[in-house]
Amino acid sequence: LSLIKAEMTQNLARRGGADRIQFRYFEPDTSVQGRTLAQVSSEWSMNAVDAALEMLKKTSSIGIVSFNMNDEDVHRFMKQEWMMTCSDGSYPRWEEGVPHPRFIGSFPRKIRKYVIEEKVISLSQAIRSMTGLSADIFQLKDRGYIKEGLVADIVIFDPENFTDKATFTDPFQYSEGVEYLIINGEIAISEGKFKDIRKGRILKKK
């Protein structure tokens, strides 16, 4: 146990401390969800490692968000021509737990924060990283570009209002600013309103 605690202490320090770990899912006590390990351990009057071990005694299924990325690294990678936009977050059940806001806000956030506000990259580079580059990497021959004969998957947005609304404590908020959305050639959003048309489908590499 002492070795486990020592390794956990070292790993926690590497991640920036207990205030850099936020719980997104903890079924035995949902009040923990959305709070940090520092907050929970303080309430329980124990150190962070002991609090984490107490939680693991109740379940091994614990979801966390770890705040330990460096902005300079993010900017440096984002500027590379081969860097594709994606989210490695799995899609959660709606309003279940407090998941990472990336599952709903990644793409508008990149444009709002890194193109419009911070001007890290250009709008054209951001769009390419989300469309054509992604299609090329996954070898989707009929998507990713606006060309005659290709599948019409098109987003038309207002750059002044296009923004993510999801936060780390309130992630279930839709982004804003999409005026029109065409999925597989069908208009799903028109003048900012969803038309209840569900034409999306799972794409398989050919």
N, C-alpha and C. Protein backbone atom coordinates (compact mmCIF):
# COMPACT_ATOMS: atom_id res chain seq x y z
N LEU A 1 0.83 -1.21 0.00
CA LEU A 1 0.00 0.00 0.00
C LEU A 1 0.87 1.26 0.00
N SER A 2 1.95 1.21 0.74
CA SER A 2 2.84 2.37 0.80
C SER A 2 3.43 2.68 -0.58
N LEU A 3 3.74 1.64 -1.33
CA LEU A 3 4.28 1.83 -2.67
C LEU A 3 3.23 2.44 -3.60
N ILE A 4 1.99 1.95 -3.46
CA ILE A 4 0.89 2.50 -4.27
C ILE A 4 0.69 3.97 -3.97
N LYS A 5 0.70 4.31 -2.69
CA LYS A 5 0.52 5.70 -2.29
C LYS A 5 1.66 6.58 -2.81
N ALA A 6 2.86 6.05 -2.77
CA ALA A 6 4.01 6.82 -3.25
C ALA A 6 3.90 7.09 -4.75
N GLU A 7 3.49 6.07 -5.50
CA GLU A 7 3.33 6.23 -6.94
C GLU A 7 2.17 7.19 -7.27
N MET A 8 1.08 7.10 -6.51
CA MET A 8 -0.05 8.00 -6.72
C MET A 8 0.33 9.44 -6.41
N THR A 9 1.10 9.63 -5.35
CA THR A 9 1.55 10.97 -4.98
C THR A 9 2.41 11.58 -6.07
N GLN A 10 3.31 10.76 -6.61
CA GLN A 10 4.19 11.22 -7.68
C GLN A 10 3.40 11.56 -8.95
N ASN A 11 2.45 10.71 -9.30
CA ASN A 11 1.64 10.94 -10.49
C ASN A 11 0.75 12.17 -10.33
N LEU A 12 0.21 12.35 -9.13
CA LEU A 12 -0.64 13.50 -8.87
C LEU A 12 0.16 14.80 -9.00
N ALA A 13 1.39 14.79 -8.52
CA ALA A 13 2.26 15.96 -8.64
C ALA A 13 2.57 16.24 -10.11
N ARG A 14 2.79 15.18 -10.87
CA ARG A 14 3.09 15.34 -12.30
C ARG A 14 1.92 15.98 -13.04
N ARG A 15 0.71 15.70 -12.59
CA ARG A 15 -0.49 16.25 -13.23
C ARG A 15 -0.84 17.64 -12.73
N GLY A 16 -0.09 18.15 -11.77
CA GLY A 16 -0.32 19.51 -11.31
C GLY A 16 -1.01 19.64 -9.97
N GLY A 17 -1.34 18.52 -9.32
CA GLY A 17 -1.96 18.58 -8.01
C GLY A 17 -3.44 18.23 -8.02
N ALA A 18 -4.00 18.12 -6.83
CA ALA A 18 -5.39 17.66 -6.68
C ALA A 18 -6.41 18.63 -7.24
N ASP A 19 -6.05 19.90 -7.35
CA ASP A 19 -7.01 20.86 -7.90
C ASP A 19 -7.05 20.82 -9.42
N ARG A 20 -6.21 19.97 -10.03
CA ARG A 20 -6.20 19.82 -11.48
C ARG A 20 -6.93 18.55 -11.94
N ILE A 21 -7.55 17.86 -11.00
CA ILE A 21 -8.32 16.65 -11.30
C ILE A 21 -9.79 16.91 -10.98
N GLN A 22 -10.64 16.85 -11.99
CA GLN A 22 -12.08 17.05 -11.79
C GLN A 22 -12.82 15.77 -12.12
N PHE A 23 -13.76 15.40 -11.29
CA PHE A 23 -14.52 14.17 -11.51
C PHE A 23 -15.69 14.43 -12.45
N ARG A 24 -15.77 13.60 -13.48
CA ARG A 24 -16.88 13.73 -14.43
C ARG A 24 -17.91 12.63 -14.22
N TYR A 25 -17.51 11.53 -13.57
CA TYR A 25 -18.45 10.43 -13.35
C TYR A 25 -18.03 9.64 -12.11
N PHE A 26 -18.96 9.52 -11.17
CA PHE A 26 -18.73 8.71 -9.96
C PHE A 26 -20.09 8.26 -9.45
N GLU A 27 -20.49 7.07 -9.86
CA GLU A 27 -21.84 6.57 -9.59
C GLU A 27 -22.18 6.44 -8.11
N PRO A 28 -21.25 6.01 -7.22
CA PRO A 28 -21.61 5.86 -5.81
C PRO A 28 -22.04 7.16 -5.13
N ASP A 29 -21.57 8.30 -5.63
CA ASP A 29 -21.94 9.58 -5.04
C ASP A 29 -21.89 10.64 -6.13
N THR A 30 -23.03 10.90 -6.76
CA THR A 30 -23.06 11.82 -7.90
C THR A 30 -22.78 13.27 -7.51
N SER A 31 -22.83 13.59 -6.20
CA SER A 31 -22.51 14.95 -5.78
C SER A 31 -21.04 15.28 -6.01
N VAL A 32 -20.23 14.24 -6.17
CA VAL A 32 -18.79 14.42 -6.43
C VAL A 32 -18.57 14.92 -7.85
N GLN A 33 -19.46 14.58 -8.77
CA GLN A 33 -19.30 14.89 -10.18
C GLN A 33 -19.27 16.40 -10.42
N GLY A 34 -18.25 16.84 -11.15
CA GLY A 34 -18.08 18.25 -11.42
C GLY A 34 -17.18 18.95 -10.43
N ARG A 35 -16.76 18.26 -9.39
CA ARG A 35 -15.88 18.84 -8.37
C ARG A 35 -14.47 18.28 -8.51
N THR A 36 -13.51 18.98 -7.92
CA THR A 36 -12.12 18.55 -8.02
C THR A 36 -11.75 17.62 -6.87
N LEU A 37 -10.66 16.90 -7.07
CA LEU A 37 -10.15 16.02 -6.01
C LEU A 37 -9.77 16.84 -4.79
N ALA A 38 -9.27 18.04 -4.99
CA ALA A 38 -8.91 18.91 -3.86
C ALA A 38 -10.15 19.27 -3.04
N GLN A 39 -11.26 19.57 -3.71
CA GLN A 39 -12.49 19.92 -3.01
C GLN A 39 -13.04 18.73 -2.23
N VAL A 40 -13.03 17.57 -2.87
CA VAL A 40 -13.56 16.37 -2.23
C VAL A 40 -12.72 15.96 -1.03
N SER A 41 -11.40 15.94 -1.20
CA SER A 41 -10.53 15.53 -0.11
C SER A 41 -10.61 16.49 1.07
N SER A 42 -10.79 17.79 0.79
CA SER A 42 -10.94 18.78 1.86
C SER A 42 -12.22 18.54 2.65
N GLU A 43 -13.31 18.25 1.92
CA GLU A 43 -14.58 17.98 2.58
C GLU A 43 -14.51 16.72 3.44
N TRP A 44 -13.74 15.73 2.96
CA TRP A 44 -13.62 14.47 3.68
C TRP A 44 -12.53 14.52 4.75
N SER A 45 -11.85 15.64 4.89
CA SER A 45 -10.79 15.84 5.90
C SER A 45 -9.69 14.79 5.79
N MET A 46 -9.22 14.59 4.58
CA MET A 46 -8.10 13.68 4.35
C MET A 46 -7.28 14.18 3.17
N ASN A 47 -6.07 13.65 3.01
CA ASN A 47 -5.26 14.09 1.88
C ASN A 47 -5.82 13.51 0.58
N ALA A 48 -5.35 14.05 -0.53
CA ALA A 48 -5.91 13.72 -1.83
C ALA A 48 -5.75 12.24 -2.19
N VAL A 49 -4.59 11.67 -1.89
CA VAL A 49 -4.34 10.28 -2.23
C VAL A 49 -5.26 9.36 -1.44
N ASP A 50 -5.42 9.62 -0.15
CA ASP A 50 -6.31 8.80 0.67
C ASP A 50 -7.77 8.92 0.19
N ALA A 51 -8.15 10.13 -0.21
CA ALA A 51 -9.52 10.33 -0.72
C ALA A 51 -9.73 9.53 -2.01
N ALA A 52 -8.73 9.55 -2.88
CA ALA A 52 -8.83 8.79 -4.13
C ALA A 52 -8.94 7.29 -3.85
N LEU A 53 -8.18 6.80 -2.86
CA LEU A 53 -8.24 5.38 -2.51
C LEU A 53 -9.60 5.01 -1.93
N GLU A 54 -10.18 5.91 -1.14
CA GLU A 54 -11.51 5.66 -0.60
C GLU A 54 -12.53 5.53 -1.72
N MET A 55 -12.38 6.36 -2.74
CA MET A 55 -13.30 6.30 -3.88
C MET A 55 -13.12 4.99 -4.65
N LEU A 56 -11.87 4.57 -4.80
CA LEU A 56 -11.59 3.33 -5.53
C LEU A 56 -12.09 2.09 -4.79
N LYS A 57 -12.26 2.21 -3.47
CA LYS A 57 -12.83 1.10 -2.72
C LYS A 57 -14.29 0.88 -3.07
N LYS A 58 -14.95 1.96 -3.54
CA LYS A 58 -16.37 1.89 -3.84
C LYS A 58 -16.62 1.47 -5.29
N THR A 59 -15.72 1.85 -6.18
CA THR A 59 -15.86 1.48 -7.60
C THR A 59 -14.55 1.77 -8.32
N SER A 60 -14.28 0.96 -9.34
CA SER A 60 -13.10 1.22 -10.17
C SER A 60 -13.47 2.03 -11.40
N SER A 61 -14.77 2.29 -11.56
CA SER A 61 -15.25 3.06 -12.70
C SER A 61 -15.41 4.53 -12.30
N ILE A 62 -14.34 5.28 -12.45
CA ILE A 62 -14.32 6.70 -12.09
C ILE A 62 -13.85 7.49 -13.31
N GLY A 63 -14.63 8.46 -13.73
CA GLY A 63 -14.24 9.30 -14.86
C GLY A 63 -13.68 10.63 -14.37
N ILE A 64 -12.57 11.07 -14.96
CA ILE A 64 -11.98 12.33 -14.55
C ILE A 64 -11.65 13.20 -15.76
N VAL A 65 -11.48 14.48 -15.49
CA VAL A 65 -10.92 15.44 -16.43
C VAL A 65 -9.64 15.94 -15.80
N SER A 66 -8.55 15.91 -16.56
CA SER A 66 -7.25 16.31 -16.03
C SER A 66 -6.78 17.59 -16.71
N PHE A 67 -6.57 18.64 -15.93
CA PHE A 67 -6.15 19.94 -16.47
C PHE A 67 -4.63 20.06 -16.37
N ASN A 68 -3.93 19.52 -17.35
CA ASN A 68 -2.46 19.58 -17.27
C ASN A 68 -1.79 19.79 -18.62
N MET A 69 -2.52 20.40 -19.54
CA MET A 69 -1.92 20.70 -20.84
C MET A 69 -1.29 22.10 -20.81
N ASN A 70 -0.29 22.28 -21.66
CA ASN A 70 0.42 23.54 -21.74
C ASN A 70 -0.03 24.30 -22.99
N ASP A 71 -0.46 25.54 -22.84
CA ASP A 71 -0.99 26.32 -23.96
C ASP A 71 0.04 26.48 -25.08
N GLU A 72 1.30 26.66 -24.72
CA GLU A 72 2.33 26.81 -25.75
C GLU A 72 2.45 25.55 -26.60
N ASP A 73 2.34 24.39 -25.97
CA ASP A 73 2.37 23.13 -26.72
C ASP A 73 1.17 23.01 -27.65
N VAL A 74 0.01 23.38 -27.14
CA VAL A 74 -1.22 23.32 -27.94
C VAL A 74 -1.08 24.21 -29.18
N HIS A 75 -0.59 25.42 -28.99
CA HIS A 75 -0.40 26.35 -30.10
C HIS A 75 0.61 25.81 -31.11
N ARG A 76 1.70 25.26 -30.61
CA ARG A 76 2.76 24.78 -31.48
C ARG A 76 2.27 23.63 -32.37
N PHE A 77 1.54 22.70 -31.79
CA PHE A 77 1.01 21.59 -32.57
C PHE A 77 -0.07 22.06 -33.54
N MET A 78 -0.91 22.97 -33.08
CA MET A 78 -2.03 23.43 -33.89
C MET A 78 -1.58 24.07 -35.19
N LYS A 79 -0.44 24.70 -35.18
CA LYS A 79 0.07 25.40 -36.36
C LYS A 79 0.60 24.48 -37.44
N GLN A 80 0.82 23.22 -37.12
CA GLN A 80 1.39 22.29 -38.08
C GLN A 80 0.36 21.93 -39.15
N GLU A 81 0.81 21.87 -40.39
CA GLU A 81 -0.09 21.61 -41.51
C GLU A 81 -0.72 20.22 -41.45
N TRP A 82 -0.07 19.30 -40.74
CA TRP A 82 -0.58 17.93 -40.68
C TRP A 82 -1.48 17.69 -39.45
N MET A 83 -1.76 18.74 -38.68
CA MET A 83 -2.54 18.57 -37.45
C MET A 83 -4.04 18.60 -37.74
N MET A 84 -4.70 17.50 -37.45
CA MET A 84 -6.13 17.35 -37.70
C MET A 84 -6.92 17.69 -36.44
N THR A 85 -8.10 18.27 -36.62
CA THR A 85 -8.98 18.56 -35.49
C THR A 85 -9.83 17.34 -35.18
N CYS A 86 -9.88 16.98 -33.91
CA CYS A 86 -10.75 15.87 -33.49
C CYS A 86 -10.99 15.99 -31.99
N SER A 87 -11.75 15.10 -31.47
CA SER A 87 -11.92 15.00 -30.03
C SER A 87 -11.79 13.53 -29.64
N ASP A 88 -10.97 13.26 -28.65
CA ASP A 88 -10.80 11.86 -28.23
C ASP A 88 -11.79 11.49 -27.13
N GLY A 89 -12.81 12.34 -26.94
CA GLY A 89 -13.80 12.04 -25.92
C GLY A 89 -14.92 11.16 -26.46
N SER A 90 -15.30 10.18 -25.68
CA SER A 90 -16.43 9.33 -26.08
C SER A 90 -17.74 10.08 -25.83
N TYR A 91 -18.75 9.75 -26.61
CA TYR A 91 -20.02 10.46 -26.48
C TYR A 91 -20.81 9.91 -25.29
N PRO A 92 -21.09 10.73 -24.28
CA PRO A 92 -21.80 10.25 -23.09
C PRO A 92 -23.32 10.28 -23.28
N ARG A 93 -24.01 9.66 -22.37
CA ARG A 93 -25.46 9.80 -22.35
C ARG A 93 -25.81 11.22 -21.95
N TRP A 94 -26.82 11.77 -22.59
CA TRP A 94 -27.17 13.17 -22.37
C TRP A 94 -27.53 13.43 -20.91
N GLU A 95 -26.88 14.45 -20.34
CA GLU A 95 -27.09 14.88 -18.95
C GLU A 95 -26.79 13.78 -17.94
N GLU A 96 -25.83 12.93 -18.28
CA GLU A 96 -25.38 11.91 -17.32
C GLU A 96 -23.94 12.23 -16.93
N GLY A 97 -23.73 12.52 -15.65
CA GLY A 97 -22.41 12.89 -15.18
C GLY A 97 -22.04 14.30 -15.60
N VAL A 98 -20.75 14.62 -15.49
CA VAL A 98 -20.24 15.93 -15.89
C VAL A 98 -19.04 15.69 -16.81
N PRO A 99 -19.31 15.32 -18.06
CA PRO A 99 -18.23 14.96 -18.98
C PRO A 99 -17.42 16.17 -19.45
N HIS A 100 -16.33 15.89 -20.11
CA HIS A 100 -15.50 16.94 -20.68
C HIS A 100 -16.30 17.70 -21.75
N PRO A 101 -16.25 19.04 -21.77
CA PRO A 101 -17.04 19.80 -22.74
C PRO A 101 -16.61 19.59 -24.19
N ARG A 102 -15.48 18.90 -24.40
CA ARG A 102 -15.00 18.70 -25.78
C ARG A 102 -15.97 17.87 -26.61
N PHE A 103 -16.79 17.03 -25.96
CA PHE A 103 -17.67 16.15 -26.74
C PHE A 103 -18.72 16.94 -27.50
N ILE A 104 -18.97 18.19 -27.10
CA ILE A 104 -19.99 18.99 -27.78
C ILE A 104 -19.44 20.31 -28.32
N GLY A 105 -18.29 20.76 -27.81
CA GLY A 105 -17.83 22.09 -28.20
C GLY A 105 -16.48 22.20 -28.87
N SER A 106 -15.83 21.09 -29.21
CA SER A 106 -14.45 21.14 -29.72
C SER A 106 -14.28 22.00 -30.97
N PHE A 107 -15.11 21.78 -31.96
CA PHE A 107 -14.92 22.44 -33.25
C PHE A 107 -15.22 23.94 -33.19
N PRO A 108 -16.37 24.35 -32.65
CA PRO A 108 -16.59 25.80 -32.54
C PRO A 108 -15.59 26.47 -31.60
N ARG A 109 -15.12 25.76 -30.60
CA ARG A 109 -14.14 26.36 -29.69
C ARG A 109 -12.83 26.65 -30.42
N LYS A 110 -12.41 25.75 -31.29
CA LYS A 110 -11.17 25.98 -32.02
C LYS A 110 -11.27 27.25 -32.85
N ILE A 111 -12.40 27.43 -33.51
CA ILE A 111 -12.57 28.63 -34.34
C ILE A 111 -12.72 29.88 -33.49
N ARG A 112 -13.52 29.80 -32.44
CA ARG A 112 -13.74 30.97 -31.59
C ARG A 112 -12.46 31.40 -30.87
N LYS A 113 -11.83 30.44 -30.19
CA LYS A 113 -10.69 30.76 -29.32
C LYS A 113 -9.39 30.95 -30.10
N TYR A 114 -9.09 30.01 -30.99
CA TYR A 114 -7.76 30.00 -31.60
C TYR A 114 -7.68 30.71 -32.94
N VAL A 115 -8.84 30.94 -33.58
CA VAL A 115 -8.85 31.68 -34.84
C VAL A 115 -9.26 33.13 -34.62
N ILE A 116 -10.43 33.33 -34.04
CA ILE A 116 -10.99 34.67 -33.92
C ILE A 116 -10.37 35.47 -32.77
N GLU A 117 -10.28 34.85 -31.59
CA GLU A 117 -9.82 35.59 -30.42
C GLU A 117 -8.29 35.66 -30.32
N GLU A 118 -7.62 34.52 -30.41
CA GLU A 118 -6.17 34.50 -30.19
C GLU A 118 -5.36 34.54 -31.48
N LYS A 119 -6.02 34.30 -32.62
CA LYS A 119 -5.38 34.36 -33.92
C LYS A 119 -4.12 33.48 -34.01
N VAL A 120 -4.23 32.29 -33.47
CA VAL A 120 -3.12 31.33 -33.52
C VAL A 120 -2.97 30.77 -34.93
N ILE A 121 -4.10 30.49 -35.58
CA ILE A 121 -4.11 29.98 -36.95
C ILE A 121 -5.18 30.73 -37.74
N SER A 122 -5.15 30.56 -39.05
CA SER A 122 -6.14 31.21 -39.91
C SER A 122 -7.43 30.39 -39.94
N LEU A 123 -8.51 31.03 -40.38
CA LEU A 123 -9.79 30.34 -40.49
C LEU A 123 -9.70 29.23 -41.53
N SER A 124 -9.03 29.49 -42.63
CA SER A 124 -8.92 28.47 -43.68
C SER A 124 -8.15 27.25 -43.19
N GLN A 125 -7.10 27.47 -42.39
CA GLN A 125 -6.34 26.33 -41.87
C GLN A 125 -7.18 25.54 -40.88
N ALA A 126 -7.96 26.23 -40.06
CA ALA A 126 -8.81 25.55 -39.09
C ALA A 126 -9.86 24.69 -39.80
N ILE A 127 -10.50 25.26 -40.83
CA ILE A 127 -11.53 24.52 -41.56
C ILE A 127 -10.92 23.32 -42.27
N ARG A 128 -9.77 23.49 -42.89
CA ARG A 128 -9.11 22.37 -43.55
C ARG A 128 -8.82 21.25 -42.56
N SER A 129 -8.39 21.61 -41.36
CA SER A 129 -8.05 20.60 -40.35
C SER A 129 -9.27 19.82 -39.89
N MET A 130 -10.45 20.37 -40.13
CA MET A 130 -11.69 19.73 -39.70
C MET A 130 -12.39 18.97 -40.83
N THR A 131 -11.99 19.23 -42.07
CA THR A 131 -12.74 18.70 -43.21
C THR A 131 -11.87 17.89 -44.16
N GLY A 132 -11.24 18.58 -45.10
CA GLY A 132 -10.46 17.88 -46.11
C GLY A 132 -9.33 17.04 -45.56
N LEU A 133 -8.60 17.58 -44.59
CA LEU A 133 -7.49 16.82 -44.02
C LEU A 133 -7.99 15.56 -43.33
N SER A 134 -9.09 15.68 -42.59
CA SER A 134 -9.66 14.52 -41.91
C SER A 134 -10.08 13.46 -42.92
N ALA A 135 -10.74 13.89 -44.00
CA ALA A 135 -11.19 12.95 -45.03
C ALA A 135 -10.00 12.27 -45.70
N ASP A 136 -8.93 13.04 -45.93
CA ASP A 136 -7.74 12.46 -46.55
C ASP A 136 -7.10 11.41 -45.66
N ILE A 137 -6.96 11.73 -44.37
CA ILE A 137 -6.32 10.81 -43.43
C ILE A 137 -7.10 9.51 -43.29
N PHE A 138 -8.43 9.62 -43.24
CA PHE A 138 -9.27 8.43 -43.08
C PHE A 138 -9.68 7.83 -44.42
N GLN A 139 -9.14 8.39 -45.50
CA GLN A 139 -9.38 7.88 -46.85
C GLN A 139 -10.87 7.83 -47.19
N LEU A 140 -11.56 8.90 -46.85
CA LEU A 140 -12.98 9.04 -47.21
C LEU A 140 -13.02 9.78 -48.55
N LYS A 141 -13.13 9.05 -49.62
CA LYS A 141 -12.94 9.60 -50.96
C LYS A 141 -14.08 10.53 -51.40
N ASP A 142 -15.25 10.38 -50.80
CA ASP A 142 -16.40 11.15 -51.28
C ASP A 142 -16.81 12.27 -50.33
N ARG A 143 -15.95 12.64 -49.40
CA ARG A 143 -16.30 13.67 -48.42
C ARG A 143 -15.11 14.59 -48.14
N GLY A 144 -15.38 15.63 -47.38
CA GLY A 144 -14.31 16.50 -46.92
C GLY A 144 -14.06 17.73 -47.77
N TYR A 145 -14.64 17.77 -48.98
CA TYR A 145 -14.45 18.89 -49.89
C TYR A 145 -15.77 19.26 -50.53
N ILE A 146 -15.88 20.51 -50.98
CA ILE A 146 -17.06 20.94 -51.72
C ILE A 146 -16.73 20.82 -53.20
N LYS A 147 -17.12 19.71 -53.78
CA LYS A 147 -16.88 19.44 -55.19
C LYS A 147 -18.08 18.71 -55.79
N GLU A 148 -18.28 18.91 -57.06
CA GLU A 148 -19.36 18.22 -57.75
C GLU A 148 -19.15 16.70 -57.66
N GLY A 149 -20.20 16.00 -57.28
CA GLY A 149 -20.13 14.55 -57.19
C GLY A 149 -19.84 14.01 -55.81
N LEU A 150 -19.39 14.89 -54.89
CA LEU A 150 -19.12 14.44 -53.52
C LEU A 150 -20.35 14.61 -52.65
N VAL A 151 -20.36 13.90 -51.54
CA VAL A 151 -21.48 14.00 -50.59
C VAL A 151 -21.50 15.40 -49.99
N ALA A 152 -22.69 16.00 -49.91
CA ALA A 152 -22.82 17.35 -49.37
C ALA A 152 -22.98 17.31 -47.85
N ASP A 153 -21.84 17.42 -47.17
CA ASP A 153 -21.81 17.64 -45.72
C ASP A 153 -21.26 19.04 -45.51
N ILE A 154 -22.12 20.00 -45.24
CA ILE A 154 -21.71 21.41 -45.24
C ILE A 154 -22.26 22.13 -44.02
N VAL A 155 -21.39 22.89 -43.37
CA VAL A 155 -21.79 23.75 -42.25
C VAL A 155 -21.61 25.20 -42.69
N ILE A 156 -22.65 25.99 -42.57
CA ILE A 156 -22.58 27.42 -42.85
C ILE A 156 -22.82 28.14 -41.53
N PHE A 157 -21.79 28.85 -41.07
CA PHE A 157 -21.88 29.48 -39.75
C PHE A 157 -21.58 30.97 -39.81
N ASP A 158 -22.04 31.67 -38.81
CA ASP A 158 -21.78 33.09 -38.66
C ASP A 158 -20.55 33.25 -37.77
N PRO A 159 -19.41 33.66 -38.31
CA PRO A 159 -18.19 33.73 -37.51
C PRO A 159 -18.28 34.68 -36.32
N GLU A 160 -19.17 35.65 -36.39
CA GLU A 160 -19.31 36.59 -35.28
C GLU A 160 -20.00 35.94 -34.08
N ASN A 161 -20.83 34.95 -34.35
CA ASN A 161 -21.61 34.33 -33.27
C ASN A 161 -21.28 32.86 -33.05
N PHE A 162 -20.43 32.30 -33.90
CA PHE A 162 -20.08 30.88 -33.78
C PHE A 162 -19.22 30.66 -32.55
N THR A 163 -19.76 29.97 -31.56
CA THR A 163 -19.01 29.79 -30.31
C THR A 163 -19.51 28.58 -29.54
N ASP A 164 -18.63 28.02 -28.74
CA ASP A 164 -19.02 26.92 -27.86
C ASP A 164 -19.61 27.48 -26.58
N LYS A 165 -20.55 26.77 -26.00
CA LYS A 165 -21.19 27.18 -24.74
C LYS A 165 -20.90 26.21 -23.61
N ALA A 166 -20.49 24.99 -23.97
CA ALA A 166 -20.24 23.95 -22.96
C ALA A 166 -19.06 24.34 -22.08
N THR A 167 -19.19 24.07 -20.78
CA THR A 167 -18.11 24.35 -19.83
C THR A 167 -17.78 23.09 -19.05
N PHE A 168 -16.73 23.15 -18.26
CA PHE A 168 -16.32 21.98 -17.49
C PHE A 168 -17.30 21.65 -16.37
N THR A 169 -18.06 22.61 -15.91
CA THR A 169 -19.05 22.35 -14.86
C THR A 169 -20.47 22.26 -15.40
N ASP A 170 -20.68 22.73 -16.63
CA ASP A 170 -22.00 22.68 -17.26
C ASP A 170 -21.82 22.33 -18.74
N PRO A 171 -21.46 21.08 -19.03
CA PRO A 171 -21.08 20.70 -20.39
C PRO A 171 -22.23 20.48 -21.37
N PHE A 172 -23.44 20.28 -20.87
CA PHE A 172 -24.55 19.94 -21.77
C PHE A 172 -25.21 21.20 -22.32
N GLN A 173 -24.44 21.97 -23.06
CA GLN A 173 -24.94 23.18 -23.69
C GLN A 173 -24.53 23.18 -25.16
N TYR A 174 -25.50 23.31 -26.03
CA TYR A 174 -25.22 23.33 -27.46
C TYR A 174 -24.45 24.59 -27.85
N SER A 175 -23.61 24.45 -28.86
CA SER A 175 -22.90 25.60 -29.40
C SER A 175 -23.86 26.47 -30.20
N GLU A 176 -23.43 27.69 -30.51
CA GLU A 176 -24.28 28.63 -31.21
C GLU A 176 -23.59 29.14 -32.48
N GLY A 177 -24.37 29.65 -33.40
CA GLY A 177 -23.82 30.32 -34.57
C GLY A 177 -23.94 29.55 -35.87
N VAL A 178 -24.46 28.32 -35.84
CA VAL A 178 -24.66 27.58 -37.09
C VAL A 178 -25.97 28.05 -37.73
N GLU A 179 -25.86 28.58 -38.93
CA GLU A 179 -27.04 29.08 -39.64
C GLU A 179 -27.68 27.99 -40.49
N TYR A 180 -26.83 27.21 -41.17
CA TYR A 180 -27.34 26.11 -42.00
C TYR A 180 -26.43 24.89 -41.82
N LEU A 181 -27.03 23.73 -41.80
CA LEU A 181 -26.28 22.48 -41.72
C LEU A 181 -26.87 21.49 -42.72
N ILE A 182 -26.04 21.04 -43.63
CA ILE A 182 -26.45 20.07 -44.63
C ILE A 182 -25.73 18.75 -44.35
N ILE A 183 -26.50 17.69 -44.15
CA ILE A 183 -25.94 16.37 -43.85
C ILE A 183 -26.41 15.40 -44.93
N ASN A 184 -25.44 14.81 -45.62
CA ASN A 184 -25.77 13.88 -46.71
C ASN A 184 -26.76 14.49 -47.70
N GLY A 185 -26.56 15.79 -47.96
CA GLY A 185 -27.39 16.46 -48.95
C GLY A 185 -28.74 16.96 -48.45
N GLU A 186 -29.05 16.72 -47.19
CA GLU A 186 -30.33 17.15 -46.61
C GLU A 186 -30.09 18.29 -45.62
N ILE A 187 -30.93 19.31 -45.67
CA ILE A 187 -30.78 20.46 -44.77
C ILE A 187 -31.34 20.10 -43.39
N ALA A 188 -30.47 20.03 -42.41
CA ALA A 188 -30.89 19.67 -41.04
C ALA A 188 -31.10 20.90 -40.17
N ILE A 189 -30.36 21.98 -40.44
CA ILE A 189 -30.55 23.25 -39.74
C ILE A 189 -30.75 24.33 -40.80
N SER A 190 -31.79 25.11 -40.66
CA SER A 190 -32.08 26.20 -41.59
C SER A 190 -32.38 27.46 -40.79
N GLU A 191 -31.67 28.53 -41.10
CA GLU A 191 -31.81 29.81 -40.40
C GLU A 191 -31.67 29.61 -38.90
N GLY A 192 -30.74 28.75 -38.52
CA GLY A 192 -30.43 28.53 -37.11
C GLY A 192 -31.36 27.60 -36.38
N LYS A 193 -32.33 27.01 -37.07
CA LYS A 193 -33.31 26.15 -36.41
C LYS A 193 -33.18 24.71 -36.90
N PHE A 194 -33.17 23.77 -35.96
CA PHE A 194 -33.08 22.34 -36.29
C PHE A 194 -34.40 21.87 -36.87
N LYS A 195 -34.35 21.16 -37.99
CA LYS A 195 -35.56 20.72 -38.69
C LYS A 195 -35.94 19.28 -38.37
N ASP A 196 -35.30 18.69 -37.39
CA ASP A 196 -35.57 17.31 -36.97
C ASP A 196 -35.35 16.33 -38.12
N ILE A 197 -34.34 16.61 -38.92
CA ILE A 197 -33.94 15.71 -39.99
C ILE A 197 -32.65 15.02 -39.56
N ARG A 198 -32.67 13.70 -39.54
CA ARG A 198 -31.54 12.93 -39.03
C ARG A 198 -30.98 12.05 -40.15
N LYS A 199 -30.05 12.62 -40.89
CA LYS A 199 -29.49 11.93 -42.05
C LYS A 199 -28.04 11.49 -41.83
N GLY A 200 -27.52 11.70 -40.64
CA GLY A 200 -26.15 11.28 -40.37
C GLY A 200 -26.03 9.75 -40.29
N ARG A 201 -24.87 9.26 -40.62
CA ARG A 201 -24.65 7.82 -40.52
C ARG A 201 -23.19 7.53 -40.21
N ILE A 202 -22.93 6.36 -39.71
CA ILE A 202 -21.56 5.95 -39.38
C ILE A 202 -20.78 5.75 -40.68
N LEU A 203 -19.60 6.33 -40.74
CA LEU A 203 -18.75 6.17 -41.92
C LEU A 203 -17.69 5.11 -41.67
N LYS A 204 -17.52 4.25 -42.65
CA LYS A 204 -16.52 3.20 -42.56
C LYS A 204 -15.44 3.43 -43.60
N LYS A 205 -14.21 3.19 -43.23
CA LYS A 205 -13.10 3.34 -44.15
C LYS A 205 -13.25 2.33 -45.28
N LYS A 206 -13.15 2.80 -46.51
CA LYS A 206 -13.35 1.93 -47.67
C LYS A 206 -12.03 1.29 -48.07
